[in-house]
C-alpha atoms as a PDB file:
ATOM      1  CA  MET A   1     -31.953  -1.319 -15.600  1.00  0.00           C
ATOM      2  CA  ALA A   2     -30.261  -0.456 -18.895  1.00  0.00           C
ATOM      3  CA  THR A   3     -31.917   0.946 -22.016  1.00  0.00           C
ATOM      4  CA  SER A   4     -31.291  -0.877 -25.282  1.00  0.00           C
ATOM      5  CA  PRO A   5     -31.264   1.253 -28.475  1.00  0.00           C
ATOM      6  CA  ARG A   6     -32.691  -1.733 -30.359  1.00  0.00           C
ATOM      7  CA  SER A   7     -35.716  -2.012 -28.087  1.00  0.00           C
ATOM      8  CA  GLY A   8     -37.301   1.321 -28.877  1.00  0.00           C
ATOM      9  CA  GLY A   9     -36.169   2.809 -25.591  1.00  0.00           C
ATOM     10  CA  GLN A  10     -37.588  -0.008 -23.474  1.00  0.00           C
ATOM     11  CA  LYS A  11     -35.591  -0.885 -20.408  1.00  0.00           C
ATOM     12  CA  THR A  12     -33.800  -4.208 -20.343  1.00  0.00           C
ATOM     13  CA  SER A  13     -31.984  -5.748 -17.432  1.00  0.00           C
ATOM     14  CA  ARG A  14     -28.216  -5.584 -17.622  1.00  0.00           C
ATOM     15  CA  PRO A  15     -26.655  -9.036 -17.488  1.00  0.00           C
ATOM     16  CA  LEU A  16     -24.669  -9.985 -14.452  1.00  0.00           C
ATOM     17  CA  SER A  17     -21.134 -10.153 -15.767  1.00  0.00           C
ATOM     18  CA  ALA A  18     -17.610 -10.063 -14.387  1.00  0.00           C
ATOM     19  CA  PRO A  19     -16.889  -6.593 -15.860  1.00  0.00           C
ATOM     20  CA  ARG A  20     -20.044  -5.183 -14.277  1.00  0.00           C
ATOM     21  CA  PHE A  21     -18.906  -6.244 -10.810  1.00  0.00           C
ATOM     22  CA  VAL A  22     -15.353  -5.031 -11.433  1.00  0.00           C
ATOM     23  CA  PHE A  23     -16.457  -1.609 -12.664  1.00  0.00           C
ATOM     24  CA  GLU A  24     -18.925  -1.221  -9.784  1.00  0.00           C
ATOM     25  CA  SER A  25     -16.114  -2.117  -7.405  1.00  0.00           C
ATOM     26  CA  ARG A  26     -13.826   0.492  -8.963  1.00  0.00           C
ATOM     27  CA  ALA A  27     -16.491   3.174  -8.580  1.00  0.00           C
ATOM     28  CA  ALA A  28     -17.251   2.200  -4.985  1.00  0.00           C
ATOM     29  CA  LEU A  29     -13.580   2.120  -3.956  1.00  0.00           C
ATOM     30  CA  ASP A  30     -13.023   5.522  -5.545  1.00  0.00           C
ATOM     31  CA  ARG A  31     -15.919   7.001  -3.534  1.00  0.00           C
ATOM     32  CA  ILE A  32     -14.677   5.473  -0.291  1.00  0.00           C
ATOM     33  CA  LEU A  33     -10.958   6.269  -0.542  1.00  0.00           C
ATOM     34  CA  SER A  34     -11.482   9.809  -1.815  1.00  0.00           C
ATOM     35  CA  LYS A  35     -13.532  10.638   1.321  1.00  0.00           C
ATOM     36  CA  ALA A  36     -12.269   7.978   3.692  1.00  0.00           C
ATOM     37  CA  GLU A  37     -12.657   9.963   6.908  1.00  0.00           C
ATOM     38  CA  SER A  38     -16.388  10.364   6.277  1.00  0.00           C
ATOM     39  CA  TYR A  39     -16.685   6.563   6.348  1.00  0.00           C
ATOM     40  CA  ALA A  40     -15.207   6.225   9.846  1.00  0.00           C
ATOM     41  CA  GLY A  41     -16.923   3.394  11.668  1.00  0.00           C
ATOM     42  CA  VAL A  42     -18.597   1.977   8.559  1.00  0.00           C
ATOM     43  CA  PHE A  43     -15.443   1.723   6.469  1.00  0.00           C
ATOM     44  CA  PRO A  44     -14.898  -2.028   7.061  1.00  0.00           C
ATOM     45  CA  ALA A  45     -18.434  -2.869   5.977  1.00  0.00           C
ATOM     46  CA  HIS A  46     -18.133  -0.868   2.752  1.00  0.00           C
ATOM     47  CA  ILE A  47     -14.819  -2.494   1.887  1.00  0.00           C
ATOM     48  CA  GLY A  48     -16.436  -5.845   2.677  1.00  0.00           C
ATOM     49  CA  THR A  49     -19.095  -5.178   0.054  1.00  0.00           C
ATOM     50  CA  ILE A  50     -16.380  -4.600  -2.550  1.00  0.00           C
ATOM     51  CA  VAL A  51     -14.695  -7.844  -1.508  1.00  0.00           C
ATOM     52  CA  ASP A  52     -18.030  -9.605  -2.115  1.00  0.00           C
ATOM     53  CA  HIS A  53     -18.435  -8.008  -5.549  1.00  0.00           C
ATOM     54  CA  LEU A  54     -14.971  -9.036  -6.664  1.00  0.00           C
ATOM     55  CA  GLY A  55     -15.687 -12.546  -5.457  1.00  0.00           C
ATOM     56  CA  ARG A  56     -18.808 -12.590  -7.616  1.00  0.00           C
ATOM     57  CA  ALA A  57     -16.781 -11.428 -10.611  1.00  0.00           C
ATOM     58  CA  CYS A  58     -14.316 -14.275 -10.082  1.00  0.00           C
ATOM     59  CA  ASP A  59     -17.188 -16.725  -9.687  1.00  0.00           C
ATOM     60  CA  LEU A  60     -18.620 -15.679 -13.049  1.00  0.00           C
ATOM     61  CA  ASN A  61     -15.419 -15.904 -15.105  1.00  0.00           C
ATOM     62  CA  ARG A  62     -11.915 -15.657 -13.699  1.00  0.00           C
ATOM     63  CA  ASN A  63     -10.418 -15.412 -17.180  1.00  0.00           C
ATOM     64  CA  VAL A  64     -12.401 -12.258 -17.917  1.00  0.00           C
ATOM     65  CA  VAL A  65     -11.312 -10.756 -14.601  1.00  0.00           C
ATOM     66  CA  ILE A  66      -7.643 -11.325 -15.453  1.00  0.00           C
ATOM     67  CA  GLY A  67      -8.267 -10.158 -19.007  1.00  0.00           C
ATOM     68  CA  MET A  68      -9.488  -6.818 -17.678  1.00  0.00           C
ATOM     69  CA  ILE A  69      -6.158  -6.312 -15.897  1.00  0.00           C
ATOM     70  CA  MET A  70      -4.437  -6.630 -19.260  1.00  0.00           C
ATOM     71  CA  LEU A  71      -6.918  -4.859 -21.528  1.00  0.00           C
ATOM     72  CA  ARG A  72      -8.849  -2.281 -19.456  1.00  0.00           C
ATOM     73  CA  GLN A  73      -6.175   0.088 -18.151  1.00  0.00           C
ATOM     74  CA  ASP A  74      -8.422   3.132 -18.201  1.00  0.00           C
ATOM     75  CA  GLY A  75      -9.525   5.203 -15.222  1.00  0.00           C
ATOM     76  CA  THR A  76      -7.741   6.303 -12.072  1.00  0.00           C
ATOM     77  CA  TYR A  77      -4.526   4.331 -11.591  1.00  0.00           C
ATOM     78  CA  ALA A  78      -4.675   4.136  -7.789  1.00  0.00           C
ATOM     79  CA  ILE A  79      -8.169   2.633  -7.863  1.00  0.00           C
ATOM     80  CA  ARG A  80      -7.655   0.331 -10.833  1.00  0.00           C
ATOM     81  CA  HIS A  81      -4.390  -0.966  -9.392  1.00  0.00           C
ATOM     82  CA  ALA A  82      -5.923  -1.775  -6.005  1.00  0.00           C
ATOM     83  CA  ILE A  83      -8.806  -3.633  -7.658  1.00  0.00           C
ATOM     84  CA  ASN A  84      -6.406  -5.549  -9.913  1.00  0.00           C
ATOM     85  CA  VAL A  85      -4.207  -6.625  -7.014  1.00  0.00           C
ATOM     86  CA  ALA A  86      -7.249  -7.657  -4.987  1.00  0.00           C
ATOM     87  CA  CYS A  87      -8.500  -9.814  -7.864  1.00  0.00           C
ATOM     88  CA  VAL A  88      -5.132 -11.536  -8.290  1.00  0.00           C
ATOM     89  CA  VAL A  89      -4.934 -12.232  -4.555  1.00  0.00           C
ATOM     90  CA  GLU A  90      -8.494 -13.571  -4.492  1.00  0.00           C
ATOM     91  CA  LEU A  91      -7.770 -15.986  -7.332  1.00  0.00           C
ATOM     92  CA  ALA A  92      -4.430 -17.127  -5.916  1.00  0.00           C
ATOM     93  CA  LEU A  93      -5.981 -17.926  -2.545  1.00  0.00           C
ATOM     94  CA  ARG A  94      -8.794 -19.813  -4.251  1.00  0.00           C
ATOM     95  CA  ASP A  95      -6.185 -21.885  -6.043  1.00  0.00           C
ATOM     96  CA  LEU A  96      -4.597 -22.568  -2.667  1.00  0.00           C
ATOM     97  CA  GLY A  97      -7.934 -23.824  -1.324  1.00  0.00           C
ATOM     98  CA  ARG A  98      -8.504 -20.999   1.151  1.00  0.00           C
ATOM     99  CA  SER A  99     -12.101 -20.502   2.314  1.00  0.00           C
ATOM    100  CA  PRO A 100     -14.066 -17.279   1.670  1.00  0.00           C
ATOM    101  CA  THR A 101     -13.596 -16.332   5.319  1.00  0.00           C
ATOM    102  CA  GLU A 102      -9.828 -16.835   5.092  1.00  0.00           C
ATOM    103  CA  ARG A 103      -9.633 -14.832   1.861  1.00  0.00           C
ATOM    104  CA  ARG A 104     -11.642 -11.905   3.145  1.00  0.00           C
ATOM    105  CA  SER A 105      -8.976 -10.178   5.259  1.00  0.00           C
ATOM    106  CA  VAL A 106      -6.361 -10.595   2.544  1.00  0.00           C
ATOM    107  CA  VAL A 107      -8.491  -9.126  -0.233  1.00  0.00           C
ATOM    108  CA  ALA A 108      -9.556  -6.240   2.030  1.00  0.00           C
ATOM    109  CA  ALA A 109      -5.889  -5.540   2.739  1.00  0.00           C
ATOM    110  CA  ALA A 110      -5.066  -5.575  -0.982  1.00  0.00           C
ATOM    111  CA  LEU A 111      -7.810  -3.023  -1.618  1.00  0.00           C
ATOM    112  CA  THR A 112      -6.471  -0.698   1.086  1.00  0.00           C
ATOM    113  CA  MET A 113      -2.715  -1.415   1.003  1.00  0.00           C
ATOM    114  CA  ASN A 114      -1.911   2.089  -0.310  1.00  0.00           C
ATOM    115  CA  ILE A 115      -4.402   4.136   1.679  1.00  0.00           C
ATOM    116  CA  GLY A 116      -1.432   5.681   3.494  1.00  0.00           C
ATOM    117  CA  MET A 117      -0.222   7.293   0.262  1.00  0.00           C
ATOM    118  CA  TYR A 118      -3.529   7.658  -1.552  1.00  0.00           C
ATOM    119  CA  ALA A 119      -3.289  11.456  -1.626  1.00  0.00           C
ATOM    120  CA  ILE A 120      -0.185  11.367  -3.843  1.00  0.00           C
ATOM    121  CA  GLN A 121      -0.486   8.017  -5.609  1.00  0.00           C
ATOM    122  CA  GLU A 122      -2.172   9.379  -8.718  1.00  0.00           C
ATOM    123  CA  LYS A 123       0.422  12.128  -9.037  1.00  0.00           C
ATOM    124  CA  LEU A 124       3.210   9.582  -8.749  1.00  0.00           C
ATOM    125  CA  SER A 125       1.697   7.500 -11.554  1.00  0.00           C
ATOM    126  CA  THR A 126       1.883  10.485 -13.937  1.00  0.00           C
ATOM    127  CA  GLN A 127       5.161  11.962 -12.685  1.00  0.00           C
ATOM    128  CA  SER A 128       8.036  11.575 -15.126  1.00  0.00           C
ATOM    129  CA  GLY A 129      10.782  12.969 -12.894  1.00  0.00           C
ATOM    130  CA  PRO A 130      12.449  11.439  -9.824  1.00  0.00           C
ATOM    131  CA  LEU A 131      10.739  11.326  -6.446  1.00  0.00           C
ATOM    132  CA  SER A 132      11.236  14.296  -4.171  1.00  0.00           C
ATOM    133  CA  GLU A 133      12.667  13.656  -0.721  1.00  0.00           C
ATOM    134  CA  GLU A 134       9.202  14.176   0.775  1.00  0.00           C
ATOM    135  CA  GLN A 135       7.667  11.696  -1.650  1.00  0.00           C
ATOM    136  CA  ARG A 136      10.402   9.149  -0.967  1.00  0.00           C
ATOM    137  CA  LEU A 137       9.819   9.403   2.773  1.00  0.00           C
ATOM    138  CA  LEU A 138       6.066   8.997   2.324  1.00  0.00           C
ATOM    139  CA  MET A 139       6.664   5.907   0.222  1.00  0.00           C
ATOM    140  CA  GLN A 140       8.788   4.387   2.985  1.00  0.00           C
ATOM    141  CA  VAL A 141       6.268   5.037   5.748  1.00  0.00           C
ATOM    142  CA  HIS A 142       3.004   4.494   3.865  1.00  0.00           C
ATOM    143  CA  PRO A 143       2.469   0.962   5.227  1.00  0.00           C
ATOM    144  CA  VAL A 144       2.556   2.347   8.788  1.00  0.00           C
ATOM    145  CA  GLU A 145       0.397   5.309   7.805  1.00  0.00           C
ATOM    146  CA  GLY A 146      -1.998   2.917   6.125  1.00  0.00           C
ATOM    147  CA  ARG A 147      -2.349   0.679   9.164  1.00  0.00           C
ATOM    148  CA  ASP A 148      -2.901   3.681  11.445  1.00  0.00           C
ATOM    149  CA  THR A 149      -5.452   5.202   9.070  1.00  0.00           C
ATOM    150  CA  LEU A 150      -7.379   1.946   8.906  1.00  0.00           C
ATOM    151  CA  ARG A 151      -7.478   1.790  12.701  1.00  0.00           C
ATOM    152  CA  ARG A 152      -8.947   5.303  12.829  1.00  0.00           C
ATOM    153  CA  LEU A 153     -11.565   4.261  10.280  1.00  0.00           C
ATOM    154  CA  GLY A 154     -12.722   1.381  12.446  1.00  0.00           C
ATOM    155  CA  VAL A 155     -10.743  -1.604  11.153  1.00  0.00           C
ATOM    156  CA  THR A 156     -10.107  -3.970  14.066  1.00  0.00           C
ATOM    157  CA  ASP A 157      -9.188  -7.126  12.140  1.00  0.00           C
ATOM    158  CA  PRO A 158      -5.549  -7.745  13.181  1.00  0.00           C
ATOM    159  CA  LEU A 159      -4.752  -9.742  10.040  1.00  0.00           C
ATOM    160  CA  TRP A 160      -6.052  -7.022   7.718  1.00  0.00           C
ATOM    161  CA  LEU A 161      -3.911  -4.477   9.583  1.00  0.00           C
ATOM    162  CA  ASP A 162      -0.822  -6.708   9.579  1.00  0.00           C
ATOM    163  CA  TYR A 163      -1.073  -7.467   5.857  1.00  0.00           C
ATOM    164  CA  VAL A 164      -1.196  -3.751   5.034  1.00  0.00           C
ATOM    165  CA  LEU A 165       1.752  -3.052   7.339  1.00  0.00           C
ATOM    166  CA  GLN A 166       3.863  -5.876   5.871  1.00  0.00           C
ATOM    167  CA  HIS A 167       3.052  -5.849   2.154  1.00  0.00           C
ATOM    168  CA  HIS A 168       6.451  -4.308   1.278  1.00  0.00           C
ATOM    169  CA  GLU A 169       8.485  -6.573   3.548  1.00  0.00           C
ATOM    170  CA  ILE A 170      10.788  -9.091   1.798  1.00  0.00           C
ATOM    171  CA  PRO A 171      11.983 -12.409   3.290  1.00  0.00           C
ATOM    172  CA  ASP A 172      15.677 -11.465   3.007  1.00  0.00           C
ATOM    173  CA  GLY A 173      15.117  -8.435   5.260  1.00  0.00           C
ATOM    174  CA  SER A 174      15.556  -5.805   2.552  1.00  0.00           C
ATOM    175  CA  GLY A 175      11.949  -4.589   2.612  1.00  0.00           C
ATOM    176  CA  TYR A 176      10.230  -1.872   4.607  1.00  0.00           C
ATOM    177  CA  PRO A 177       9.098  -0.396   6.946  1.00  0.00           C
ATOM    178  CA  GLN A 178      10.362  -2.865   9.594  1.00  0.00           C
ATOM    179  CA  GLN A 179      12.963  -4.875   7.634  1.00  0.00           C
ATOM    180  CA  LEU A 180      11.274  -8.100   8.731  1.00  0.00           C
ATOM    181  CA  SER A 181      12.636 -11.374   7.427  1.00  0.00           C
ATOM    182  CA  GLY A 182      11.631 -14.992   6.977  1.00  0.00           C
ATOM    183  CA  ASP A 183       8.602 -16.264   8.835  1.00  0.00           C
ATOM    184  CA  ALA A 184       8.135 -12.961  10.633  1.00  0.00           C
ATOM    185  CA  ILE A 185       6.308 -11.855   7.473  1.00  0.00           C
ATOM    186  CA  HIS A 186       2.841 -13.231   6.833  1.00  0.00           C
ATOM    187  CA  PHE A 187       2.619 -15.414   3.729  1.00  0.00           C
ATOM    188  CA  GLU A 188      -0.461 -13.430   2.688  1.00  0.00           C
ATOM    189  CA  ALA A 189       1.423 -10.122   2.952  1.00  0.00           C
ATOM    190  CA  ARG A 190       4.121 -11.493   0.658  1.00  0.00           C
ATOM    191  CA  LEU A 191       1.425 -12.590  -1.800  1.00  0.00           C
ATOM    192  CA  ILE A 192      -0.030  -9.073  -1.828  1.00  0.00           C
ATOM    193  CA  GLY A 193       3.461  -7.694  -2.408  1.00  0.00           C
ATOM    194  CA  ILE A 194       4.082  -9.902  -5.439  1.00  0.00           C
ATOM    195  CA  ALA A 195       0.654  -9.121  -6.902  1.00  0.00           C
ATOM    196  CA  ASP A 196       1.337  -5.427  -6.300  1.00  0.00           C
ATOM    197  CA  ARG A 197       4.618  -5.550  -8.248  1.00  0.00           C
ATOM    198  CA  TYR A 198       3.171  -7.679 -11.041  1.00  0.00           C
ATOM    199  CA  CYS A 199       0.124  -5.486 -11.676  1.00  0.00           C
ATOM    200  CA  ALA A 200       2.248  -2.324 -11.518  1.00  0.00           C
ATOM    201  CA  MET A 201       4.649  -3.704 -14.121  1.00  0.00           C
ATOM    202  CA  LEU A 202       1.802  -4.388 -16.538  1.00  0.00           C
ATOM    203  CA  THR A 203       0.665  -0.773 -16.388  1.00  0.00           C
ATOM    204  CA  ARG A 204       1.822   1.986 -18.696  1.00  0.00           C
ATOM    205  CA  ASN A 205       2.530   5.323 -17.026  1.00  0.00           C
ATOM    206  CA  ALA A 206       4.499   8.516 -17.599  1.00  0.00           C
ATOM    207  CA  TRP A 207       7.880   6.939 -16.836  1.00  0.00           C
ATOM    208  CA  ARG A 208       7.405   3.303 -17.824  1.00  0.00           C
ATOM    209  CA  ARG A 209       5.879   1.335 -20.655  1.00  0.00           C
ATOM    210  CA  GLY A 210       3.792  -1.572 -19.478  1.00  0.00           C
ATOM    211  CA  GLN A 211       5.918  -4.702 -19.429  1.00  0.00           C
ATOM    212  CA  LEU A 212       4.969  -7.749 -21.450  1.00  0.00           C
ATOM    213  CA  SER A 213       3.091 -10.299 -19.384  1.00  0.00           C
ATOM    214  CA  ASP A 214       5.773 -12.984 -19.476  1.00  0.00           C
ATOM    215  CA  LEU A 215       8.518 -10.524 -18.495  1.00  0.00           C
ATOM    216  CA  ALA A 216       6.340  -9.016 -15.745  1.00  0.00           C
ATOM    217  CA  LEU A 217       5.843 -12.471 -14.230  1.00  0.00           C
ATOM    218  CA  LEU A 218       9.535 -13.310 -14.297  1.00  0.00           C
ATOM    219  CA  THR A 219      10.505  -9.907 -12.903  1.00  0.00           C
ATOM    220  CA  SER A 220       7.961 -10.193 -10.078  1.00  0.00           C
ATOM    221  CA  LEU A 221       9.442 -13.510  -9.001  1.00  0.00           C
ATOM    222  CA  THR A 222      13.089 -12.502  -9.367  1.00  0.00           C
ATOM    223  CA  GLY A 223      15.238 -11.551  -6.418  1.00  0.00           C
ATOM    224  CA  SER A 224      17.827 -12.878  -4.041  1.00  0.00           C
ATOM    225  CA  ALA A 225      17.762 -16.524  -3.063  1.00  0.00           C
ATOM    226  CA  ASN A 226      15.863 -15.659   0.123  1.00  0.00           C
ATOM    227  CA  SER A 227      13.522 -13.035  -1.307  1.00  0.00           C
ATOM    228  CA  ILE A 228      10.674 -15.377  -2.267  1.00  0.00           C
ATOM    229  CA  ASP A 229       9.731 -18.888  -1.284  1.00  0.00           C
ATOM    230  CA  VAL A 230       9.110 -21.672  -3.778  1.00  0.00           C
ATOM    231  CA  LYS A 231       5.521 -22.254  -2.666  1.00  0.00           C
ATOM    232  CA  LEU A 232       4.540 -18.639  -3.229  1.00  0.00           C
ATOM    233  CA  GLY A 233       6.292 -18.419  -6.573  1.00  0.00           C
ATOM    234  CA  ARG A 234       4.653 -21.595  -7.825  1.00  0.00           C
ATOM    235  CA  LEU A 235       1.234 -20.468  -6.620  1.00  0.00           C
ATOM    236  CA  PHE A 236       1.495 -17.128  -8.387  1.00  0.00           C
ATOM    237  CA  THR A 237       2.694 -18.765 -11.594  1.00  0.00           C
ATOM    238  CA  GLN A 238      -0.209 -21.240 -11.526  1.00  0.00           C
ATOM    239  CA  THR A 239      -2.733 -18.471 -10.949  1.00  0.00           C
ATOM    240  CA  MET A 240      -1.580 -16.035 -13.628  1.00  0.00           C
ATOM    241  CA  GLY A 241       0.331 -18.258 -16.027  1.00  0.00           C
ATOM    242  CA  LEU A 242       3.180 -17.247 -18.269  1.00  0.00           C
ATOM    243  CA  TYR A 243       0.550 -16.073 -20.767  1.00  0.00           C
ATOM    244  CA  PRO A 244      -2.453 -14.875 -18.726  1.00  0.00           C
ATOM    245  CA  PRO A 245      -5.891 -14.285 -20.224  1.00  0.00           C
ATOM    246  CA  GLY A 246      -5.824 -10.943 -22.010  1.00  0.00           C
ATOM    247  CA  ALA A 247      -2.193 -11.266 -23.075  1.00  0.00           C
ATOM    248  CA  VAL A 248      -1.659 -10.510 -26.759  1.00  0.00           C
ATOM    249  CA  VAL A 249       0.502 -13.106 -28.491  1.00  0.00           C
ATOM    250  CA  GLN A 250       1.798 -13.976 -31.933  1.00  0.00           C
ATOM    251  CA  LEU A 251       1.550 -17.546 -33.171  1.00  0.00           C
ATOM    252  CA  LEU A 252       3.921 -19.521 -35.347  1.00  0.00           C
ATOM    253  CA  ASN A 253       1.546 -19.257 -38.314  1.00  0.00           C
ATOM    254  CA  GLY A 254       1.734 -15.444 -38.061  1.00  0.00           C
ATOM    255  CA  GLU A 255      -1.663 -14.860 -36.501  1.00  0.00           C
ATOM    256  CA  VAL A 256      -2.052 -12.456 -33.585  1.00  0.00           C
ATOM    257  CA  GLY A 257      -4.566 -13.171 -30.874  1.00  0.00           C
ATOM    258  CA  ILE A 258      -5.656 -12.739 -27.284  1.00  0.00           C
ATOM    259  CA  VAL A 259      -5.130 -15.476 -24.725  1.00  0.00           C
ATOM    260  CA  LYS A 260      -8.621 -16.669 -23.805  1.00  0.00           C
ATOM    261  CA  ARG A 261      -8.041 -19.271 -21.115  1.00  0.00           C
ATOM    262  CA  PRO A 262      -5.391 -21.678 -19.808  1.00  0.00           C
ATOM    263  CA  GLY A 263      -4.559 -24.773 -21.829  1.00  0.00           C
ATOM    264  CA  VAL A 264      -3.029 -28.076 -20.798  1.00  0.00           C
ATOM    265  CA  SER A 265       0.071 -26.299 -19.462  1.00  0.00           C
ATOM    266  CA  GLU A 266       1.165 -22.806 -18.433  1.00  0.00           C
ATOM    267  CA  GLN A 267       3.051 -22.442 -21.723  1.00  0.00           C
ATOM    268  CA  THR A 268       0.197 -23.534 -24.009  1.00  0.00           C
ATOM    269  CA  PRO A 269      -2.994 -21.506 -23.469  1.00  0.00           C
ATOM    270  CA  ILE A 270      -6.032 -21.350 -25.726  1.00  0.00           C
ATOM    271  CA  VAL A 271      -5.778 -18.263 -27.943  1.00  0.00           C
ATOM    272  CA  ALA A 272      -8.518 -16.349 -29.751  1.00  0.00           C
ATOM    273  CA  ALA A 273      -6.871 -15.552 -33.098  1.00  0.00           C
ATOM    274  CA  ILE A 274      -7.994 -12.109 -34.288  1.00  0.00           C
ATOM    275  CA  PHE A 275      -5.515 -10.824 -36.893  1.00  0.00           C
ATOM    276  CA  ASN A 276      -3.552 -12.483 -39.672  1.00  0.00           C
ATOM    277  CA  LYS A 277       0.186 -11.955 -40.029  1.00  0.00           C
ATOM    278  CA  GLN A 278      -0.448  -8.705 -41.927  1.00  0.00           C
ATOM    279  CA  TRP A 279      -2.496  -7.461 -38.944  1.00  0.00           C
ATOM    280  CA  GLN A 280      -5.695  -7.622 -40.953  1.00  0.00           C
ATOM    281  CA  PRO A 281      -8.771  -8.763 -38.999  1.00  0.00           C
ATOM    282  CA  LEU A 282      -9.750 -12.375 -39.577  1.00  0.00           C
ATOM    283  CA  VAL A 283     -13.256 -12.887 -40.937  1.00  0.00           C
ATOM    284  CA  ASP A 284     -14.095 -14.832 -37.775  1.00  0.00           C
ATOM    285  CA  ILE A 285     -12.314 -15.062 -34.444  1.00  0.00           C
ATOM    286  CA  VAL A 286     -10.943 -18.588 -34.218  1.00  0.00           C
ATOM    287  CA  GLU A 287      -9.787 -20.532 -31.171  1.00  0.00           C
ATOM    288  CA  ARG A 288      -6.251 -21.860 -31.479  1.00  0.00           C
ATOM    289  CA  ASP A 289      -4.721 -24.389 -29.102  1.00  0.00           C
ATOM    290  CA  SER A 290      -1.120 -23.256 -28.718  1.00  0.00           C
ATOM    291  CA  GLU A 291      -0.112 -26.794 -27.795  1.00  0.00           C
ATOM    292  CA  ASP A 292      -0.411 -27.504 -31.533  1.00  0.00           C
ATOM    293  CA  ILE A 293       2.992 -26.739 -33.035  1.00  0.00           C
ATOM    294  CA  ASP A 294       1.437 -24.755 -35.891  1.00  0.00           C
ATOM    295  CA  TYR A 295      -0.185 -22.412 -33.373  1.00  0.00           C
ATOM    296  CA  SER A 296       2.592 -22.300 -30.796  1.00  0.00           C
ATOM    297  CA  ILE A 297       3.356 -18.930 -29.240  1.00  0.00           C
ATOM    298  CA  ILE A 298       6.479 -17.249 -30.585  1.00  0.00           C
ATOM    299  CA  GLY A 299       6.153 -13.842 -28.959  1.00  0.00           C
ATOM    300  CA  VAL A 300       4.204 -11.525 -26.678  1.00  0.00           C
ATOM    301  CA  ILE A 301       2.923  -8.127 -27.808  1.00  0.00           C
ATOM    302  CA  GLU A 302       2.039  -5.158 -25.590  1.00  0.00           C
ATOM    303  CA  SER A 303      -1.638  -5.596 -24.742  1.00  0.00           C
ATOM    304  CA  GLN A 304      -2.363  -1.884 -25.034  1.00  0.00           C
ATOM    305  CA  ARG A 305      -1.553  -2.092 -28.742  1.00  0.00           C
ATOM    306  CA  ILE A 306      -4.973  -3.624 -29.373  1.00  0.00           C
ATOM    307  CA  ALA A 307      -6.879  -2.586 -26.243  1.00  0.00           C
ATOM    308  CA  GLY A 308     -10.118  -1.010 -27.365  1.00  0.00           C
ATOM    309  CA  LEU A 309      -9.823  -2.352 -30.926  1.00  0.00           C
ATOM    310  CA  VAL A 310     -11.368  -5.696 -30.037  1.00  0.00           C
ATOM    311  CA  PRO A 311     -14.362  -5.804 -27.676  1.00  0.00           C
ATOM    312  CA  MET A 312     -13.718  -8.275 -24.888  1.00  0.00           C
ATOM    313  CA  GLU A 313     -17.194  -9.661 -25.522  1.00  0.00           C
ATOM    314  CA  ASP A 314     -15.981 -10.849 -28.936  1.00  0.00           C
ATOM    315  CA  VAL A 315     -13.445 -13.055 -27.157  1.00  0.00           C
ATOM    316  CA  TRP A 316     -15.309 -14.226 -24.055  1.00  0.00           C
ATOM    317  CA  GLY A 317     -18.932 -13.795 -25.100  1.00  0.00           C
ATOM    318  CA  SER A 318     -21.614 -12.607 -22.691  1.00  0.00           C
ATOM    319  CA  ASP A 319     -19.351 -13.280 -19.693  1.00  0.00           C
ATOM    320  CA  ALA A 320     -17.479 -10.121 -20.738  1.00  0.00           C
ATOM    321  CA  ALA A 321     -20.591  -8.006 -21.347  1.00  0.00           C
ATOM    322  CA  GLY A 322     -20.045  -4.403 -20.333  1.00  0.00           C
ATOM    323  CA  ALA A 323     -16.267  -4.499 -20.639  1.00  0.00           C
END
């Protein structure tokens, strides 16, 4: 129960919202991964609960869930990144028509893909210099370390273990740790790998500014002719869009706004216009359909430029309560 300052201290129930489930999932994953060995035997069940919570968040409003990836980049990187990747994977598999049972192993793998390098992941996210030889070696072997750690913690699901082991493999054989190629790599592991790269590119850290959403998408899907299959690339593009919810864009009329939800095509989302061309707040937030030529998108702006200035609830209403 939450206390409302307008109710004289009386307790009011907190609304079920996508951000509430996402934040609870972040906190739970942080507790589990920071003391993983103490969860031996019950680890799979606890990760399963997080999978359920993220599913509830996506049920409530998928656009808010994606918006949080763009606009709520606070907290521990390792935890936030794992949650973000898990959410993207969950939504992509929904778009593919996969059942909750089929999605479960994949989302669990996304949450735990970096458990083999968890001890140094936060340091790496704030490190401005090059990797040491020890760090480079750990990066190369962390999928194997991750699979072995999960086994010790009681994970027996072979798909979960395989997806963690293979999430850095690339169809042309240039990935690691086994240099697998083609159909030897699970489709779901390749999906996790793309989501991993995409979410990392959106994040600002000590050595990299967060990429703009359209560039991050294109970069994630770029590689050699054999590095990604058409089906996977199309699926990821459909799920996230060129301008995903939470992306900050400038319109032809000069207004600046936040993408609220998809429109009739991937290039023409519905935008919540927030600022005029002088970057002064509009009296009221107004929905603009970017399919209209007057409100067409002419550029993307780094989301962190306005993160925290505009409550997500102002854009998505009560579905974003608590963000």
